[in-house]
C-alpha atoms as a PDB file:
ATOM      1  CA  UNK A   1     -22.259  72.769 -78.914  1.00  0.00           C
ATOM      2  CA  UNK A   2     -19.950  70.663 -76.741  1.00  0.00           C
ATOM      3  CA  UNK A   3     -16.314  71.745 -76.551  1.00  0.00           C
ATOM      4  CA  UNK A   4     -15.372  68.386 -75.002  1.00  0.00           C
ATOM      5  CA  UNK A   5     -16.854  64.961 -75.713  1.00  0.00           C
ATOM      6  CA  UNK A   6     -15.419  61.914 -73.947  1.00  0.00           C
ATOM      7  CA  UNK A   7     -16.692  58.417 -74.632  1.00  0.00           C
ATOM      8  CA  UNK A   8     -15.221  55.367 -72.920  1.00  0.00           C
ATOM      9  CA  UNK A   9     -12.133  57.446 -72.106  1.00  0.00           C
ATOM     10  CA  UNK A  10      -9.355  55.516 -70.388  1.00  0.00           C
ATOM     11  CA  UNK A  11      -6.007  56.714 -69.119  1.00  0.00           C
ATOM     12  CA  UNK A  12      -3.033  54.949 -67.587  1.00  0.00           C
ATOM     13  CA  UNK A  13      -0.047  55.977 -65.492  1.00  0.00           C
ATOM     14  CA  UNK A  14       2.487  53.305 -66.355  1.00  0.00           C
ATOM     15  CA  UNK A  15       0.907  49.977 -65.448  1.00  0.00           C
ATOM     16  CA  UNK A  16      -1.824  51.581 -63.340  1.00  0.00           C
ATOM     17  CA  UNK A  17      -5.165  52.428 -64.947  1.00  0.00           C
ATOM     18  CA  UNK A  18      -6.473  55.754 -63.598  1.00  0.00           C
ATOM     19  CA  UNK A  19      -9.529  56.554 -65.751  1.00  0.00           C
ATOM     20  CA  UNK A  20     -12.024  53.776 -66.446  1.00  0.00           C
ATOM     21  CA  UNK A  21     -14.388  54.277 -69.386  1.00  0.00           C
ATOM     22  CA  UNK A  22     -15.241  57.905 -68.624  1.00  0.00           C
ATOM     23  CA  UNK A  23     -18.195  59.480 -70.471  1.00  0.00           C
ATOM     24  CA  UNK A  24     -19.083  63.188 -70.287  1.00  0.00           C
ATOM     25  CA  UNK A  25     -19.351  66.429 -72.233  1.00  0.00           C
ATOM     26  CA  UNK A  26     -18.429  70.027 -71.459  1.00  0.00           C
ATOM     27  CA  UNK A  27     -20.481  72.805 -73.003  1.00  0.00           C
ATOM     28  CA  UNK A  28     -21.035  76.515 -72.474  1.00  0.00           C
ATOM     29  CA  UNK A  29     -20.760  78.196 -69.084  1.00  0.00           C
ATOM     30  CA  UNK A  30     -18.823  76.907 -66.082  1.00  0.00           C
ATOM     31  CA  UNK A  31     -18.641  73.176 -65.371  1.00  0.00           C
ATOM     32  CA  UNK A  32     -17.324  72.183 -61.950  1.00  0.00           C
ATOM     33  CA  UNK A  33     -15.210  69.091 -61.314  1.00  0.00           C
ATOM     34  CA  UNK A  34     -15.260  67.597 -57.821  1.00  0.00           C
ATOM     35  CA  UNK A  35     -13.645  64.455 -56.495  1.00  0.00           C
ATOM     36  CA  UNK A  36     -11.643  63.112 -53.563  1.00  0.00           C
ATOM     37  CA  UNK A  37      -7.856  62.909 -53.606  1.00  0.00           C
ATOM     38  CA  UNK A  38      -6.774  60.046 -55.836  1.00  0.00           C
ATOM     39  CA  UNK A  39      -9.970  60.122 -57.892  1.00  0.00           C
ATOM     40  CA  UNK A  40      -8.052  60.892 -61.106  1.00  0.00           C
ATOM     41  CA  UNK A  41      -8.861  64.603 -61.487  1.00  0.00           C
ATOM     42  CA  UNK A  42      -5.288  65.675 -62.293  1.00  0.00           C
ATOM     43  CA  UNK A  43      -4.931  62.859 -64.817  1.00  0.00           C
ATOM     44  CA  UNK A  44      -8.237  63.863 -66.426  1.00  0.00           C
ATOM     45  CA  UNK A  45      -7.196  67.522 -66.684  1.00  0.00           C
ATOM     46  CA  UNK A  46      -3.825  66.594 -68.161  1.00  0.00           C
ATOM     47  CA  UNK A  47      -5.607  64.415 -70.718  1.00  0.00           C
ATOM     48  CA  UNK A  48      -8.071  67.183 -71.631  1.00  0.00           C
ATOM     49  CA  UNK A  49      -5.197  69.654 -72.009  1.00  0.00           C
ATOM     50  CA  UNK A  50      -3.396  67.115 -74.273  1.00  0.00           C
ATOM     51  CA  UNK A  51      -0.406  66.705 -71.962  1.00  0.00           C
ATOM     52  CA  UNK A  52      -1.336  63.012 -72.061  1.00  0.00           C
ATOM     53  CA  UNK A  53      -2.849  61.269 -75.106  1.00  0.00           C
ATOM     54  CA  UNK A  54      -5.815  59.005 -74.299  1.00  0.00           C
ATOM     55  CA  UNK A  55      -4.931  55.369 -73.579  1.00  0.00           C
ATOM     56  CA  UNK A  56      -8.256  54.154 -74.985  1.00  0.00           C
ATOM     57  CA  UNK A  57     -11.720  55.392 -75.853  1.00  0.00           C
ATOM     58  CA  UNK A  58     -12.424  58.625 -77.710  1.00  0.00           C
ATOM     59  CA  UNK A  59     -11.831  62.236 -76.724  1.00  0.00           C
ATOM     60  CA  UNK A  60     -12.805  65.207 -78.843  1.00  0.00           C
ATOM     61  CA  UNK A  61     -11.694  68.676 -77.739  1.00  0.00           C
ATOM     62  CA  UNK A  62     -12.854  71.643 -79.812  1.00  0.00           C
ATOM     63  CA  UNK A  63     -13.938  69.199 -82.485  1.00  0.00           C
ATOM     64  CA  UNK A  64     -10.485  67.601 -82.847  1.00  0.00           C
ATOM     65  CA  UNK A  65      -9.472  64.029 -82.024  1.00  0.00           C
ATOM     66  CA  UNK A  66      -7.100  64.179 -79.034  1.00  0.00           C
ATOM     67  CA  UNK A  67      -5.651  60.784 -79.961  1.00  0.00           C
ATOM     68  CA  UNK A  68      -3.943  62.296 -83.027  1.00  0.00           C
ATOM     69  CA  UNK A  69      -0.626  64.115 -82.530  1.00  0.00           C
ATOM     70  CA  UNK A  70      -1.297  66.902 -85.053  1.00  0.00           C
ATOM     71  CA  UNK A  71      -4.784  67.402 -83.664  1.00  0.00           C
ATOM     72  CA  UNK A  72      -3.338  67.775 -80.161  1.00  0.00           C
ATOM     73  CA  UNK A  73      -1.116  70.607 -81.391  1.00  0.00           C
ATOM     74  CA  UNK A  74      -4.191  72.402 -82.755  1.00  0.00           C
ATOM     75  CA  UNK A  75      -6.119  71.767 -79.529  1.00  0.00           C
ATOM     76  CA  UNK A  76      -3.342  73.375 -77.456  1.00  0.00           C
ATOM     77  CA  UNK A  77      -3.640  76.557 -79.462  1.00  0.00           C
ATOM     78  CA  UNK A  78      -7.378  76.708 -78.790  1.00  0.00           C
ATOM     79  CA  UNK A  79      -7.422  76.044 -75.043  1.00  0.00           C
ATOM     80  CA  UNK A  80      -6.121  77.751 -71.924  1.00  0.00           C
ATOM     81  CA  UNK A  81      -4.843  75.744 -68.950  1.00  0.00           C
ATOM     82  CA  UNK A  82      -3.950  77.091 -65.512  1.00  0.00           C
ATOM     83  CA  UNK A  83      -2.461  74.325 -63.320  1.00  0.00           C
ATOM     84  CA  UNK A  84      -2.706  74.595 -59.564  1.00  0.00           C
ATOM     85  CA  UNK A  85       1.016  75.223 -59.136  1.00  0.00           C
ATOM     86  CA  UNK A  86       1.793  77.090 -62.341  1.00  0.00           C
ATOM     87  CA  UNK A  87       5.384  78.142 -62.795  1.00  0.00           C
ATOM     88  CA  UNK A  88       6.483  81.704 -63.412  1.00  0.00           C
ATOM     89  CA  UNK A  89       9.765  83.654 -63.541  1.00  0.00           C
ATOM     90  CA  UNK A  90       9.571  85.808 -60.387  1.00  0.00           C
ATOM     91  CA  UNK A  91      11.483  88.750 -61.873  1.00  0.00           C
ATOM     92  CA  UNK A  92       9.257  88.977 -64.945  1.00  0.00           C
ATOM     93  CA  UNK A  93       6.876  91.891 -65.002  1.00  0.00           C
ATOM     94  CA  UNK A  94       3.204  91.020 -65.417  1.00  0.00           C
ATOM     95  CA  UNK A  95       3.185  92.403 -68.965  1.00  0.00           C
ATOM     96  CA  UNK A  96       6.264  90.343 -69.882  1.00  0.00           C
ATOM     97  CA  UNK A  97       4.686  87.175 -68.486  1.00  0.00           C
ATOM     98  CA  UNK A  98       1.432  87.624 -70.377  1.00  0.00           C
ATOM     99  CA  UNK A  99       3.162  88.642 -73.617  1.00  0.00           C
ATOM    100  CA  UNK A 100       5.373  85.559 -73.372  1.00  0.00           C
ATOM    101  CA  UNK A 101       2.250  83.401 -73.006  1.00  0.00           C
ATOM    102  CA  UNK A 102       0.782  85.052 -76.117  1.00  0.00           C
ATOM    103  CA  UNK A 103       3.982  84.349 -78.055  1.00  0.00           C
ATOM    104  CA  UNK A 104       4.061  80.714 -76.891  1.00  0.00           C
ATOM    105  CA  UNK A 105       0.490  80.250 -78.167  1.00  0.00           C
ATOM    106  CA  UNK A 106       1.547  81.398 -81.621  1.00  0.00           C
ATOM    107  CA  UNK A 107      -0.045  84.835 -81.788  1.00  0.00           C
ATOM    108  CA  UNK A 108       1.404  87.016 -84.573  1.00  0.00           C
ATOM    109  CA  UNK A 109       4.019  89.426 -83.227  1.00  0.00           C
ATOM    110  CA  UNK A 110       1.971  92.467 -84.227  1.00  0.00           C
ATOM    111  CA  UNK A 111      -0.945  91.296 -82.060  1.00  0.00           C
ATOM    112  CA  UNK A 112       0.929  90.245 -78.921  1.00  0.00           C
ATOM    113  CA  UNK A 113       1.077  93.591 -77.117  1.00  0.00           C
ATOM    114  CA  UNK A 114      -2.597  94.423 -77.683  1.00  0.00           C
ATOM    115  CA  UNK A 115      -3.724  90.896 -76.724  1.00  0.00           C
ATOM    116  CA  UNK A 116      -1.677  91.027 -73.512  1.00  0.00           C
ATOM    117  CA  UNK A 117      -3.138  94.362 -72.504  1.00  0.00           C
ATOM    118  CA  UNK A 118      -6.684  93.166 -73.218  1.00  0.00           C
ATOM    119  CA  UNK A 119      -6.100  90.052 -71.102  1.00  0.00           C
ATOM    120  CA  UNK A 120      -4.713  92.095 -68.210  1.00  0.00           C
ATOM    121  CA  UNK A 121      -7.657  94.450 -68.439  1.00  0.00           C
ATOM    122  CA  UNK A 122     -10.051  91.483 -68.321  1.00  0.00           C
ATOM    123  CA  UNK A 123      -8.579  90.391 -64.975  1.00  0.00           C
ATOM    124  CA  UNK A 124      -8.232  93.932 -63.577  1.00  0.00           C
ATOM    125  CA  UNK A 125      -4.419  93.992 -63.679  1.00  0.00           C
ATOM    126  CA  UNK A 126      -3.863  96.815 -66.172  1.00  0.00           C
ATOM    127  CA  UNK A 127      -2.447  99.159 -63.532  1.00  0.00           C
ATOM    128  CA  UNK A 128       0.032  96.506 -62.356  1.00  0.00           C
ATOM    129  CA  UNK A 129       1.546  95.603 -65.734  1.00  0.00           C
ATOM    130  CA  UNK A 130       5.041  96.780 -64.798  1.00  0.00           C
ATOM    131  CA  UNK A 131       5.080  95.153 -61.368  1.00  0.00           C
ATOM    132  CA  UNK A 132       7.291  92.028 -61.013  1.00  0.00           C
ATOM    133  CA  UNK A 133       5.421  88.796 -60.402  1.00  0.00           C
ATOM    134  CA  UNK A 134       7.277  88.195 -57.145  1.00  0.00           C
ATOM    135  CA  UNK A 135       5.717  91.397 -55.743  1.00  0.00           C
ATOM    136  CA  UNK A 136       2.103  90.297 -56.350  1.00  0.00           C
ATOM    137  CA  UNK A 137      -0.288  89.068 -53.686  1.00  0.00           C
ATOM    138  CA  UNK A 138      -1.685  85.549 -53.995  1.00  0.00           C
ATOM    139  CA  UNK A 139      -4.912  86.776 -55.542  1.00  0.00           C
ATOM    140  CA  UNK A 140      -3.143  89.046 -58.029  1.00  0.00           C
ATOM    141  CA  UNK A 141      -0.781  86.241 -59.007  1.00  0.00           C
ATOM    142  CA  UNK A 142      -3.733  83.984 -59.758  1.00  0.00           C
ATOM    143  CA  UNK A 143      -5.222  86.741 -61.914  1.00  0.00           C
ATOM    144  CA  UNK A 144      -1.917  87.048 -63.772  1.00  0.00           C
ATOM    145  CA  UNK A 145      -2.061  83.299 -64.355  1.00  0.00           C
ATOM    146  CA  UNK A 146      -5.566  83.591 -65.795  1.00  0.00           C
ATOM    147  CA  UNK A 147      -4.458  86.466 -68.027  1.00  0.00           C
ATOM    148  CA  UNK A 148      -1.698  84.239 -69.416  1.00  0.00           C
ATOM    149  CA  UNK A 149      -4.241  81.454 -69.995  1.00  0.00           C
ATOM    150  CA  UNK A 150      -6.794  83.616 -71.852  1.00  0.00           C
ATOM    151  CA  UNK A 151      -4.446  85.944 -73.774  1.00  0.00           C
ATOM    152  CA  UNK A 152      -5.028  84.024 -77.016  1.00  0.00           C
ATOM    153  CA  UNK A 153      -8.839  84.071 -76.581  1.00  0.00           C
ATOM    154  CA  UNK A 154      -9.262  80.304 -76.031  1.00  0.00           C
ATOM    155  CA  UNK A 155     -12.571  78.594 -76.624  1.00  0.00           C
ATOM    156  CA  UNK A 156     -12.006  76.329 -73.615  1.00  0.00           C
ATOM    157  CA  UNK A 157     -10.363  77.235 -70.291  1.00  0.00           C
ATOM    158  CA  UNK A 158      -9.241  74.630 -67.719  1.00  0.00           C
ATOM    159  CA  UNK A 159      -8.635  75.798 -64.143  1.00  0.00           C
ATOM    160  CA  UNK A 160      -7.084  73.435 -61.577  1.00  0.00           C
ATOM    161  CA  UNK A 161      -7.732  74.409 -57.924  1.00  0.00           C
ATOM    162  CA  UNK A 162      -7.490  78.142 -58.728  1.00  0.00           C
ATOM    163  CA  UNK A 163      -8.660  79.390 -55.308  1.00  0.00           C
ATOM    164  CA  UNK A 164      -6.285  77.351 -53.132  1.00  0.00           C
ATOM    165  CA  UNK A 165      -4.421  79.646 -50.756  1.00  0.00           C
ATOM    166  CA  UNK A 166      -6.668  82.649 -51.354  1.00  0.00           C
ATOM    167  CA  UNK A 167      -8.431  84.469 -48.549  1.00  0.00           C
ATOM    168  CA  UNK A 168     -12.275  84.772 -48.601  1.00  0.00           C
ATOM    169  CA  UNK A 169     -12.282  88.162 -50.335  1.00  0.00           C
ATOM    170  CA  UNK A 170      -9.795  86.973 -52.975  1.00  0.00           C
ATOM    171  CA  UNK A 171     -11.874  83.820 -53.583  1.00  0.00           C
ATOM    172  CA  UNK A 172     -14.983  85.952 -54.092  1.00  0.00           C
ATOM    173  CA  UNK A 173     -13.181  88.185 -56.594  1.00  0.00           C
ATOM    174  CA  UNK A 174     -11.767  85.162 -58.406  1.00  0.00           C
ATOM    175  CA  UNK A 175     -15.170  83.492 -58.727  1.00  0.00           C
ATOM    176  CA  UNK A 176     -16.633  86.719 -60.116  1.00  0.00           C
ATOM    177  CA  UNK A 177     -13.808  86.784 -62.668  1.00  0.00           C
ATOM    178  CA  UNK A 178     -14.502  83.192 -63.745  1.00  0.00           C
ATOM    179  CA  UNK A 179     -18.188  83.988 -64.225  1.00  0.00           C
ATOM    180  CA  UNK A 180     -17.309  86.998 -66.424  1.00  0.00           C
ATOM    181  CA  UNK A 181     -14.924  84.930 -68.524  1.00  0.00           C
ATOM    182  CA  UNK A 182     -17.564  82.233 -69.043  1.00  0.00           C
ATOM    183  CA  UNK A 183     -19.667  84.666 -71.073  1.00  0.00           C
ATOM    184  CA  UNK A 184     -17.304  84.039 -73.989  1.00  0.00           C
ATOM    185  CA  UNK A 185     -15.295  80.940 -73.014  1.00  0.00           C
ATOM    186  CA  UNK A 186     -16.334  77.488 -71.785  1.00  0.00           C
ATOM    187  CA  UNK A 187     -14.714  76.846 -68.403  1.00  0.00           C
ATOM    188  CA  UNK A 188     -13.904  73.630 -66.531  1.00  0.00           C
ATOM    189  CA  UNK A 189     -13.211  74.414 -62.873  1.00  0.00           C
ATOM    190  CA  UNK A 190     -11.590  71.688 -60.774  1.00  0.00           C
ATOM    191  CA  UNK A 191     -11.808  72.394 -57.044  1.00  0.00           C
ATOM    192  CA  UNK A 192     -12.170  70.842 -53.596  1.00  0.00           C
ATOM    193  CA  UNK A 193     -14.314  73.755 -52.440  1.00  0.00           C
ATOM    194  CA  UNK A 194     -18.038  73.185 -52.867  1.00  0.00           C
ATOM    195  CA  UNK A 195     -18.560  76.909 -52.264  1.00  0.00           C
ATOM    196  CA  UNK A 196     -16.762  77.592 -55.561  1.00  0.00           C
ATOM    197  CA  UNK A 197     -19.106  75.124 -57.257  1.00  0.00           C
ATOM    198  CA  UNK A 198     -22.305  76.533 -55.733  1.00  0.00           C
ATOM    199  CA  UNK A 199     -21.463  80.126 -56.671  1.00  0.00           C
ATOM    200  CA  UNK A 200     -19.705  79.847 -60.035  1.00  0.00           C
ATOM    201  CA  UNK A 201     -20.892  76.681 -61.772  1.00  0.00           C
ATOM    202  CA  UNK A 202     -23.856  75.802 -63.940  1.00  0.00           C
ATOM    203  CA  UNK A 203     -23.147  72.079 -63.884  1.00  0.00           C
ATOM    204  CA  UNK A 204     -20.997  69.699 -61.863  1.00  0.00           C
ATOM    205  CA  UNK A 205     -19.169  66.446 -62.518  1.00  0.00           C
ATOM    206  CA  UNK A 206     -18.063  64.215 -59.648  1.00  0.00           C
ATOM    207  CA  UNK A 207     -15.118  61.963 -60.441  1.00  0.00           C
ATOM    208  CA  UNK A 208     -14.539  59.047 -58.081  1.00  0.00           C
ATOM    209  CA  UNK A 209     -12.237  56.058 -58.485  1.00  0.00           C
ATOM    210  CA  UNK A 210     -11.599  57.009 -62.090  1.00  0.00           C
ATOM    211  CA  UNK A 211     -15.238  57.120 -63.171  1.00  0.00           C
ATOM    212  CA  UNK A 212     -17.956  59.781 -63.366  1.00  0.00           C
ATOM    213  CA  UNK A 213     -20.115  59.220 -60.290  1.00  0.00           C
ATOM    214  CA  UNK A 214     -22.403  62.202 -60.928  1.00  0.00           C
ATOM    215  CA  UNK A 215     -23.178  64.483 -63.871  1.00  0.00           C
ATOM    216  CA  UNK A 216     -25.864  67.112 -63.421  1.00  0.00           C
ATOM    217  CA  UNK A 217     -26.804  70.541 -62.164  1.00  0.00           C
ATOM    218  CA  UNK A 218     -25.638  72.007 -58.868  1.00  0.00           C
ATOM    219  CA  UNK A 219     -29.250  71.908 -57.683  1.00  0.00           C
ATOM    220  CA  UNK A 220     -29.521  68.201 -58.519  1.00  0.00           C
ATOM    221  CA  UNK A 221     -26.392  67.426 -56.500  1.00  0.00           C
ATOM    222  CA  UNK A 222     -27.712  69.522 -53.601  1.00  0.00           C
ATOM    223  CA  UNK A 223     -30.962  67.554 -53.741  1.00  0.00           C
ATOM    224  CA  UNK A 224     -28.964  64.382 -53.073  1.00  0.00           C
ATOM    225  CA  UNK A 225     -28.005  65.923 -49.745  1.00  0.00           C
ATOM    226  CA  UNK A 226     -31.476  66.753 -48.475  1.00  0.00           C
ATOM    227  CA  UNK A 227     -32.200  64.564 -45.472  1.00  0.00           C
ATOM    228  CA  UNK A 228     -35.650  62.938 -45.517  1.00  0.00           C
ATOM    229  CA  UNK A 229     -36.433  64.470 -42.110  1.00  0.00           C
ATOM    230  CA  UNK A 230     -35.400  67.964 -43.247  1.00  0.00           C
ATOM    231  CA  UNK A 231     -33.234  68.224 -40.097  1.00  0.00           C
ATOM    232  CA  UNK A 232     -29.522  67.612 -40.359  1.00  0.00           C
ATOM    233  CA  UNK A 233     -28.659  64.066 -41.354  1.00  0.00           C
ATOM    234  CA  UNK A 234     -31.748  62.509 -39.830  1.00  0.00           C
ATOM    235  CA  UNK A 235     -30.072  61.794 -36.473  1.00  0.00           C
ATOM    236  CA  UNK A 236     -31.577  64.784 -34.688  1.00  0.00           C
ATOM    237  CA  UNK A 237     -28.168  66.447 -34.573  1.00  0.00           C
ATOM    238  CA  UNK A 238     -27.775  69.613 -36.593  1.00  0.00           C
ATOM    239  CA  UNK A 239     -25.488  68.983 -39.554  1.00  0.00           C
ATOM    240  CA  UNK A 240     -22.393  71.115 -40.134  1.00  0.00           C
ATOM    241  CA  UNK A 241     -22.579  70.381 -43.872  1.00  0.00           C
ATOM    242  CA  UNK A 242     -24.408  72.261 -46.577  1.00  0.00           C
ATOM    243  CA  UNK A 243     -26.815  70.306 -48.757  1.00  0.00           C
ATOM    244  CA  UNK A 244     -24.286  70.437 -51.600  1.00  0.00           C
ATOM    245  CA  UNK A 245     -21.502  69.046 -49.399  1.00  0.00           C
ATOM    246  CA  UNK A 246     -23.766  66.310 -48.102  1.00  0.00           C
ATOM    247  CA  UNK A 247     -24.932  65.456 -51.616  1.00  0.00           C
ATOM    248  CA  UNK A 248     -21.325  65.212 -52.775  1.00  0.00           C
ATOM    249  CA  UNK A 249     -20.426  62.967 -49.824  1.00  0.00           C
ATOM    250  CA  UNK A 250     -23.377  60.687 -50.570  1.00  0.00           C
ATOM    251  CA  UNK A 251     -22.376  60.362 -54.217  1.00  0.00           C
ATOM    252  CA  UNK A 252     -18.776  59.509 -53.303  1.00  0.00           C
ATOM    253  CA  UNK A 253     -19.590  57.041 -50.521  1.00  0.00           C
ATOM    254  CA  UNK A 254     -22.222  55.290 -52.614  1.00  0.00           C
ATOM    255  CA  UNK A 255     -19.719  54.477 -55.363  1.00  0.00           C
END
């Protein structure tokens, strides 16, 4: 069952149209979202998270019509959203931050403490619950952000550039966490890093110039990057790109 269904979705920023008749679905597992700067990824994520109502077309999230104000309120309670630069009070302890997120999502008071502790345990932060957020490493802070986004057990989780600024070991740990979460929650992972896509995702969408330029499996996108000669890009010079990177580039430049 699809958690997101977009048909002819359009979105505007003032007088400028950003999304042009976008069609796609998001189902179980991890779906990756790739696209160059200016492609409309942030606008799409803000529309999916109901920060922006659709300008035109149809958008269903968790079975609710995102064009309706009351439906958007229900959608917000059923999704988790971690923006790239999420804000946090630096003096809050991790447990306070996650409990506040649970309260803001409308969890009953009697369930907040248990839900917060379960979320911290899911991201391996249980032993750091009383540490202030300002004292966390970049990787731990990202995990705290995920805990705040999943504390209410959302059916759909949106992650915007979650591995930016993390070192290789932290990125590996974060991808493993996303894969674990996807066992019970549909995940949309927006990233510039094709390595994140190749390791963590079941499917990938490429957004370019406000439209979906590719929708398929990671393997299918990699196949777009296989040179006919089997050697680099066909020029005789060894390529520095992976097949997935080259496939992505070909999709974007062909649009």
